[in-house]
Amino acid sequence: MDYAAARKVMVDSQVRVNDVTDRTLQAALMTVPRERYCAPDQAFAAYGEVEVEIAAGRRLMQAREVSKLIQALDAREGETALAIAGPYAAAVLAAMKLSVTAQESEASVLDVVGPALAEAGVASAVAPLSQPAGQDWDIIVSEGAVAVRPTAWLAALRVGGRLAVVERPGPNGRAVLYVKGREGVSRRELFDAAPPVLAEMTPAPAFAL
């Protein structure tokens, strides 16, 4: 399979046509080998409009959606970024010359994506997704959805930091952008999206009598 040709088709037919106009981001998407961030036997589907399996139930976000999230972040060269359950997003941000760490909770996911992340200059961390690795990030992004507001992720941002994530409390979800200020956090809805919800970011059921 000609992955370079498939990558160009993906950018032209899934990304540019969905109002992703940032040329630095488009260039990064053209260079990152998306097929290396999914299960090897699923590489053939890496550039389709599907959520491709990685390992342990984790899936890549569709390229259209992850590119729109990254564009909303207004990522700048030299900033620090944490990609939580977002290996492809991590690689794209690294290609945009940010300093990036990819956090996963399952070592089996890093077994798949770790070599490509290392080649991209991305650091890796294994830790529960509910607890971000490190503090004072300029950017946090996730390719998985969350069921509730990720307050621990917001707490890990510096003042002026941004978080892009899909909030999906039910069958439908909305991508949102949070910006942390000195007096609180602002929230802006971006677009409809429904990637799989991260199990660790789903509250346990509560029962009342």
C-alpha atoms as a PDB file:
ATOM      1  CA  MET A   1       0.000   0.000   0.000  1.00  0.00           C
ATOM      2  CA  ASP A   2       1.253   3.492  -0.842  1.00  0.00           C
ATOM      3  CA  TYR A   3       0.872   5.153   2.557  1.00  0.00           C
ATOM      4  CA  ALA A   4       2.266   8.498   1.380  1.00  0.00           C
ATOM      5  CA  ALA A   5      -0.427   8.704  -1.303  1.00  0.00           C
ATOM      6  CA  ALA A   6      -3.099   7.664   1.204  1.00  0.00           C
ATOM      7  CA  ARG A   7      -1.870  10.342   3.588  1.00  0.00           C
ATOM      8  CA  LYS A   8      -2.265  13.037   0.931  1.00  0.00           C
ATOM      9  CA  VAL A   9      -5.764  11.831   0.082  1.00  0.00           C
ATOM     10  CA  MET A  10      -6.642  11.932   3.788  1.00  0.00           C
ATOM     11  CA  VAL A  11      -5.451  15.521   4.167  1.00  0.00           C
ATOM     12  CA  ASP A  12      -7.173  16.642   0.968  1.00  0.00           C
ATOM     13  CA  SER A  13     -10.492  14.832   1.452  1.00  0.00           C
ATOM     14  CA  GLN A  14     -10.931  14.686   5.241  1.00  0.00           C
ATOM     15  CA  VAL A  15      -8.956  17.590   6.702  1.00  0.00           C
ATOM     16  CA  ARG A  16      -8.823  20.576   4.357  1.00  0.00           C
ATOM     17  CA  VAL A  17     -12.495  20.270   3.423  1.00  0.00           C
ATOM     18  CA  ASN A  18     -13.459  20.444   7.107  1.00  0.00           C
ATOM     19  CA  ASP A  19     -12.133  23.962   7.687  1.00  0.00           C
ATOM     20  CA  VAL A  20      -8.685  22.931   8.877  1.00  0.00           C
ATOM     21  CA  THR A  21      -6.784  25.811   7.305  1.00  0.00           C
ATOM     22  CA  ASP A  22      -3.630  25.940   9.462  1.00  0.00           C
ATOM     23  CA  ARG A  23      -0.820  25.235   6.985  1.00  0.00           C
ATOM     24  CA  THR A  24       1.678  24.211   9.650  1.00  0.00           C
ATOM     25  CA  LEU A  25      -0.807  21.635  10.879  1.00  0.00           C
ATOM     26  CA  GLN A  26      -1.545  20.439   7.345  1.00  0.00           C
ATOM     27  CA  ALA A  27       2.188  20.004   6.717  1.00  0.00           C
ATOM     28  CA  ALA A  28       2.563  18.006   9.932  1.00  0.00           C
ATOM     29  CA  LEU A  29      -0.323  15.726   8.971  1.00  0.00           C
ATOM     30  CA  MET A  30       1.392  15.082   5.650  1.00  0.00           C
ATOM     31  CA  THR A  31       4.558  13.861   7.380  1.00  0.00           C
ATOM     32  CA  VAL A  32       3.279  11.773  10.311  1.00  0.00           C
ATOM     33  CA  PRO A  33       2.919   8.058   9.418  1.00  0.00           C
ATOM     34  CA  ARG A  34      -0.525   7.411  10.885  1.00  0.00           C
ATOM     35  CA  GLU A  35      -0.233   3.706  10.007  1.00  0.00           C
ATOM     36  CA  ARG A  36       2.407   3.334  12.737  1.00  0.00           C
ATOM     37  CA  TYR A  37       0.024   4.455  15.469  1.00  0.00           C
ATOM     38  CA  CYS A  38      -2.463   1.596  15.160  1.00  0.00           C
ATOM     39  CA  ALA A  39      -2.331  -2.178  15.466  1.00  0.00           C
ATOM     40  CA  PRO A  40      -0.108  -3.531  12.672  1.00  0.00           C
ATOM     41  CA  ASP A  41      -2.916  -5.658  11.251  1.00  0.00           C
ATOM     42  CA  GLN A  42      -5.090  -2.524  11.036  1.00  0.00           C
ATOM     43  CA  ALA A  43      -2.575  -0.349   9.190  1.00  0.00           C
ATOM     44  CA  PHE A  44      -4.554  -0.745   5.971  1.00  0.00           C
ATOM     45  CA  ALA A  45      -7.384   1.274   7.594  1.00  0.00           C
ATOM     46  CA  ALA A  46      -5.195   4.019   9.075  1.00  0.00           C
ATOM     47  CA  TYR A  47      -6.261   6.640   6.526  1.00  0.00           C
ATOM     48  CA  GLY A  48      -9.947   5.771   6.344  1.00  0.00           C
ATOM     49  CA  GLU A  49     -12.706   7.690   8.090  1.00  0.00           C
ATOM     50  CA  VAL A  50     -12.776   5.194  10.954  1.00  0.00           C
ATOM     51  CA  GLU A  51     -11.487   4.929  14.504  1.00  0.00           C
ATOM     52  CA  VAL A  52      -8.691   2.398  14.068  1.00  0.00           C
ATOM     53  CA  GLU A  53      -7.784  -0.021  16.855  1.00  0.00           C
ATOM     54  CA  ILE A  54      -4.445   0.376  18.639  1.00  0.00           C
ATOM     55  CA  ALA A  55      -4.535  -2.124  21.543  1.00  0.00           C
ATOM     56  CA  ALA A  56      -6.411  -2.875  24.778  1.00  0.00           C
ATOM     57  CA  GLY A  57      -9.631  -1.355  23.456  1.00  0.00           C
ATOM     58  CA  ARG A  58      -7.994   1.957  22.557  1.00  0.00           C
ATOM     59  CA  ARG A  59      -8.582   3.522  19.161  1.00  0.00           C
ATOM     60  CA  LEU A  60      -7.199   6.390  17.127  1.00  0.00           C
ATOM     61  CA  MET A  61      -9.486   9.376  16.722  1.00  0.00           C
ATOM     62  CA  GLN A  62     -10.526  10.068  13.140  1.00  0.00           C
ATOM     63  CA  ALA A  63      -8.055  12.359  11.385  1.00  0.00           C
ATOM     64  CA  ARG A  64     -10.734  14.955  10.658  1.00  0.00           C
ATOM     65  CA  GLU A  65     -11.612  15.290  14.333  1.00  0.00           C
ATOM     66  CA  VAL A  66      -8.106  15.235  15.788  1.00  0.00           C
ATOM     67  CA  SER A  67      -6.944  17.865  13.290  1.00  0.00           C
ATOM     68  CA  LYS A  68      -9.843  20.143  14.242  1.00  0.00           C
ATOM     69  CA  LEU A  69      -8.995  19.710  17.932  1.00  0.00           C
ATOM     70  CA  ILE A  70      -5.362  20.581  17.318  1.00  0.00           C
ATOM     71  CA  GLN A  71      -6.249  23.615  15.221  1.00  0.00           C
ATOM     72  CA  ALA A  72      -8.496  24.903  18.021  1.00  0.00           C
ATOM     73  CA  LEU A  73      -5.545  24.718  20.432  1.00  0.00           C
ATOM     74  CA  ASP A  74      -3.593  27.325  18.428  1.00  0.00           C
ATOM     75  CA  ALA A  75      -0.416  25.331  19.132  1.00  0.00           C
ATOM     76  CA  ARG A  76       2.832  27.301  18.960  1.00  0.00           C
ATOM     77  CA  GLU A  77       6.376  26.161  18.360  1.00  0.00           C
ATOM     78  CA  GLY A  78       8.252  25.575  21.606  1.00  0.00           C
ATOM     79  CA  GLU A  79       5.182  25.053  23.790  1.00  0.00           C
ATOM     80  CA  THR A  80       4.808  22.008  26.028  1.00  0.00           C
ATOM     81  CA  ALA A  81       2.028  19.548  25.266  1.00  0.00           C
ATOM     82  CA  LEU A  82       0.603  16.486  26.983  1.00  0.00           C
ATOM     83  CA  ALA A  83      -1.334  14.056  24.804  1.00  0.00           C
ATOM     84  CA  ILE A  84      -3.468  11.836  27.052  1.00  0.00           C
ATOM     85  CA  ALA A  85      -4.536   8.710  25.189  1.00  0.00           C
ATOM     86  CA  GLY A  86      -3.551  10.544  22.023  1.00  0.00           C
ATOM     87  CA  PRO A  87      -0.450   9.066  20.362  1.00  0.00           C
ATOM     88  CA  TYR A  88      -1.220  10.335  16.877  1.00  0.00           C
ATOM     89  CA  ALA A  89      -2.000  13.816  18.195  1.00  0.00           C
ATOM     90  CA  ALA A  90       1.300  13.692  20.070  1.00  0.00           C
ATOM     91  CA  ALA A  91       3.229  12.924  16.895  1.00  0.00           C
ATOM     92  CA  VAL A  92       1.468  15.679  14.952  1.00  0.00           C
ATOM     93  CA  LEU A  93       2.215  18.246  17.674  1.00  0.00           C
ATOM     94  CA  ALA A  94       5.855  17.129  17.726  1.00  0.00           C
ATOM     95  CA  ALA A  95       5.998  17.653  13.965  1.00  0.00           C
ATOM     96  CA  MET A  96       4.764  21.181  14.665  1.00  0.00           C
ATOM     97  CA  LYS A  97       7.860  21.622  16.886  1.00  0.00           C
ATOM     98  CA  LEU A  98       6.253  21.425  20.301  1.00  0.00           C
ATOM     99  CA  SER A  99       7.805  19.548  23.228  1.00  0.00           C
ATOM    100  CA  VAL A 100       5.403  16.634  23.672  1.00  0.00           C
ATOM    101  CA  THR A 101       4.752  13.837  26.161  1.00  0.00           C
ATOM    102  CA  ALA A 102       2.324  11.016  25.351  1.00  0.00           C
ATOM    103  CA  GLN A 103       0.580   9.498  28.378  1.00  0.00           C
ATOM    104  CA  GLU A 104      -1.023   6.070  28.325  1.00  0.00           C
ATOM    105  CA  SER A 105      -2.331   3.863  31.103  1.00  0.00           C
ATOM    106  CA  GLU A 106      -1.794   0.572  29.271  1.00  0.00           C
ATOM    107  CA  ALA A 107       1.730  -0.573  28.481  1.00  0.00           C
ATOM    108  CA  SER A 108       0.301  -2.621  25.605  1.00  0.00           C
ATOM    109  CA  VAL A 109      -0.647   0.618  23.810  1.00  0.00           C
ATOM    110  CA  LEU A 110       2.896   1.936  24.130  1.00  0.00           C
ATOM    111  CA  ASP A 111       4.186  -1.411  22.882  1.00  0.00           C
ATOM    112  CA  VAL A 112       2.449  -0.556  19.598  1.00  0.00           C
ATOM    113  CA  VAL A 113       3.077   3.184  19.327  1.00  0.00           C
ATOM    114  CA  GLY A 114       6.221   3.620  21.431  1.00  0.00           C
ATOM    115  CA  PRO A 115       8.828   3.101  18.682  1.00  0.00           C
ATOM    116  CA  ALA A 116       7.169   5.623  16.359  1.00  0.00           C
ATOM    117  CA  LEU A 117       6.740   8.121  19.217  1.00  0.00           C
ATOM    118  CA  ALA A 118      10.415   7.816  20.122  1.00  0.00           C
ATOM    119  CA  GLU A 119      11.428   8.439  16.508  1.00  0.00           C
ATOM    120  CA  ALA A 120       9.167  11.508  16.495  1.00  0.00           C
ATOM    121  CA  GLY A 121      10.926  12.880  19.582  1.00  0.00           C
ATOM    122  CA  VAL A 122       7.926  12.342  21.861  1.00  0.00           C
ATOM    123  CA  ALA A 123       8.465  11.327  25.487  1.00  0.00           C
ATOM    124  CA  SER A 124       6.221   8.601  26.919  1.00  0.00           C
ATOM    125  CA  ALA A 125       4.637   8.147  30.337  1.00  0.00           C
ATOM    126  CA  VAL A 126       2.591   5.275  31.754  1.00  0.00           C
ATOM    127  CA  ALA A 127       0.137   6.474  34.394  1.00  0.00           C
ATOM    128  CA  PRO A 128      -3.612   6.439  35.094  1.00  0.00           C
ATOM    129  CA  LEU A 129      -5.355   8.682  32.589  1.00  0.00           C
ATOM    130  CA  SER A 130      -7.275  10.371  35.381  1.00  0.00           C
ATOM    131  CA  GLN A 131      -4.009  11.823  36.738  1.00  0.00           C
ATOM    132  CA  PRO A 132      -1.977  13.831  34.203  1.00  0.00           C
ATOM    133  CA  ALA A 133       1.770  13.353  34.202  1.00  0.00           C
ATOM    134  CA  GLY A 134       3.428  16.602  35.231  1.00  0.00           C
ATOM    135  CA  GLN A 135       2.087  20.118  35.675  1.00  0.00           C
ATOM    136  CA  ASP A 136       1.979  23.526  34.004  1.00  0.00           C
ATOM    137  CA  TRP A 137       1.332  22.281  30.483  1.00  0.00           C
ATOM    138  CA  ASP A 138       0.663  24.782  27.717  1.00  0.00           C
ATOM    139  CA  ILE A 139      -1.553  22.254  25.937  1.00  0.00           C
ATOM    140  CA  ILE A 140      -3.407  19.052  26.816  1.00  0.00           C
ATOM    141  CA  VAL A 141      -5.263  17.053  24.168  1.00  0.00           C
ATOM    142  CA  SER A 142      -6.929  13.648  24.073  1.00  0.00           C
ATOM    143  CA  GLU A 143      -8.114  11.418  21.249  1.00  0.00           C
ATOM    144  CA  GLY A 144     -10.547   9.692  23.599  1.00  0.00           C
ATOM    145  CA  ALA A 145     -13.764  11.191  24.908  1.00  0.00           C
ATOM    146  CA  VAL A 146     -14.544  11.891  28.549  1.00  0.00           C
ATOM    147  CA  ALA A 147     -17.912  11.459  30.222  1.00  0.00           C
ATOM    148  CA  VAL A 148     -17.522  14.391  32.609  1.00  0.00           C
ATOM    149  CA  ARG A 149     -15.498  17.599  32.859  1.00  0.00           C
ATOM    150  CA  PRO A 150     -11.847  16.520  33.341  1.00  0.00           C
ATOM    151  CA  THR A 151     -11.020  18.712  36.329  1.00  0.00           C
ATOM    152  CA  ALA A 152      -7.674  17.017  37.036  1.00  0.00           C
ATOM    153  CA  TRP A 153      -6.573  17.717  33.457  1.00  0.00           C
ATOM    154  CA  LEU A 154      -7.547  21.372  33.799  1.00  0.00           C
ATOM    155  CA  ALA A 155      -5.598  21.615  37.040  1.00  0.00           C
ATOM    156  CA  ALA A 156      -2.464  20.473  35.208  1.00  0.00           C
ATOM    157  CA  LEU A 157      -2.553  23.444  32.795  1.00  0.00           C
ATOM    158  CA  ARG A 158      -0.570  26.608  33.366  1.00  0.00           C
ATOM    159  CA  VAL A 159      -2.403  29.927  33.331  1.00  0.00           C
ATOM    160  CA  GLY A 160      -3.096  30.557  29.650  1.00  0.00           C
ATOM    161  CA  GLY A 161      -2.985  26.826  28.905  1.00  0.00           C
ATOM    162  CA  ARG A 162      -5.541  25.113  26.676  1.00  0.00           C
ATOM    163  CA  LEU A 163      -7.287  21.747  26.755  1.00  0.00           C
ATOM    164  CA  ALA A 164      -9.087  20.245  23.755  1.00  0.00           C
ATOM    165  CA  VAL A 165     -11.216  17.155  24.324  1.00  0.00           C
ATOM    166  CA  VAL A 166     -14.544  15.593  23.407  1.00  0.00           C
ATOM    167  CA  GLU A 167     -17.096  15.513  26.213  1.00  0.00           C
ATOM    168  CA  ARG A 168     -19.524  12.654  25.696  1.00  0.00           C
ATOM    169  CA  PRO A 169     -21.914  12.050  28.602  1.00  0.00           C
ATOM    170  CA  GLY A 170     -24.254  10.007  26.370  1.00  0.00           C
ATOM    171  CA  PRO A 171     -24.503   8.726  22.812  1.00  0.00           C
ATOM    172  CA  ASN A 172     -23.579  12.124  21.377  1.00  0.00           C
ATOM    173  CA  GLY A 173     -20.550  14.246  22.144  1.00  0.00           C
ATOM    174  CA  ARG A 174     -19.167  17.749  21.642  1.00  0.00           C
ATOM    175  CA  ALA A 175     -15.556  18.731  21.180  1.00  0.00           C
ATOM    176  CA  VAL A 176     -14.719  21.576  23.549  1.00  0.00           C
ATOM    177  CA  LEU A 177     -11.853  23.965  24.162  1.00  0.00           C
ATOM    178  CA  TYR A 178     -10.971  25.047  27.680  1.00  0.00           C
ATOM    179  CA  VAL A 179      -8.665  27.995  28.381  1.00  0.00           C
ATOM    180  CA  LYS A 180      -7.297  28.451  31.890  1.00  0.00           C
ATOM    181  CA  GLY A 181      -7.218  32.001  33.234  1.00  0.00           C
ATOM    182  CA  ARG A 182      -6.109  33.466  36.528  1.00  0.00           C
ATOM    183  CA  GLU A 183      -9.688  33.688  37.758  1.00  0.00           C
ATOM    184  CA  GLY A 184     -11.071  30.456  36.340  1.00  0.00           C
ATOM    185  CA  VAL A 185     -11.563  28.426  33.177  1.00  0.00           C
ATOM    186  CA  SER A 186     -13.480  29.341  30.035  1.00  0.00           C
ATOM    187  CA  ARG A 187     -15.199  26.712  27.889  1.00  0.00           C
ATOM    188  CA  ARG A 188     -16.143  26.889  24.195  1.00  0.00           C
ATOM    189  CA  GLU A 189     -17.957  24.216  22.199  1.00  0.00           C
ATOM    190  CA  LEU A 190     -16.363  23.388  18.853  1.00  0.00           C
ATOM    191  CA  PHE A 191     -18.088  20.609  16.867  1.00  0.00           C
ATOM    192  CA  ASP A 192     -20.000  17.339  17.179  1.00  0.00           C
ATOM    193  CA  ALA A 193     -17.894  14.200  17.676  1.00  0.00           C
ATOM    194  CA  ALA A 194     -18.372  10.795  19.279  1.00  0.00           C
ATOM    195  CA  PRO A 195     -15.087   8.916  19.716  1.00  0.00           C
ATOM    196  CA  PRO A 196     -15.040   6.077  22.261  1.00  0.00           C
ATOM    197  CA  VAL A 197     -15.195   7.210  25.884  1.00  0.00           C
ATOM    198  CA  LEU A 198     -12.123   6.489  27.997  1.00  0.00           C
ATOM    199  CA  ALA A 199     -13.180   4.046  30.706  1.00  0.00           C
ATOM    200  CA  GLU A 200     -10.921   5.741  33.280  1.00  0.00           C
ATOM    201  CA  MET A 201     -12.667   9.040  32.638  1.00  0.00           C
ATOM    202  CA  THR A 202     -16.137   7.651  33.304  1.00  0.00           C
ATOM    203  CA  PRO A 203     -17.509   8.059  36.843  1.00  0.00           C
ATOM    204  CA  ALA A 204     -18.633   4.937  38.639  1.00  0.00           C
ATOM    205  CA  PRO A 205     -22.421   4.475  38.733  1.00  0.00           C
ATOM    206  CA  ALA A 206     -24.064   5.945  41.807  1.00  0.00           C
ATOM    207  CA  PHE A 207     -27.100   4.333  43.396  1.00  0.00           C
ATOM    208  CA  ALA A 208     -29.605   6.102  45.568  1.00  0.00           C
ATOM    209  CA  LEU A 209     -32.448   4.627  47.626  1.00  0.00           C
END
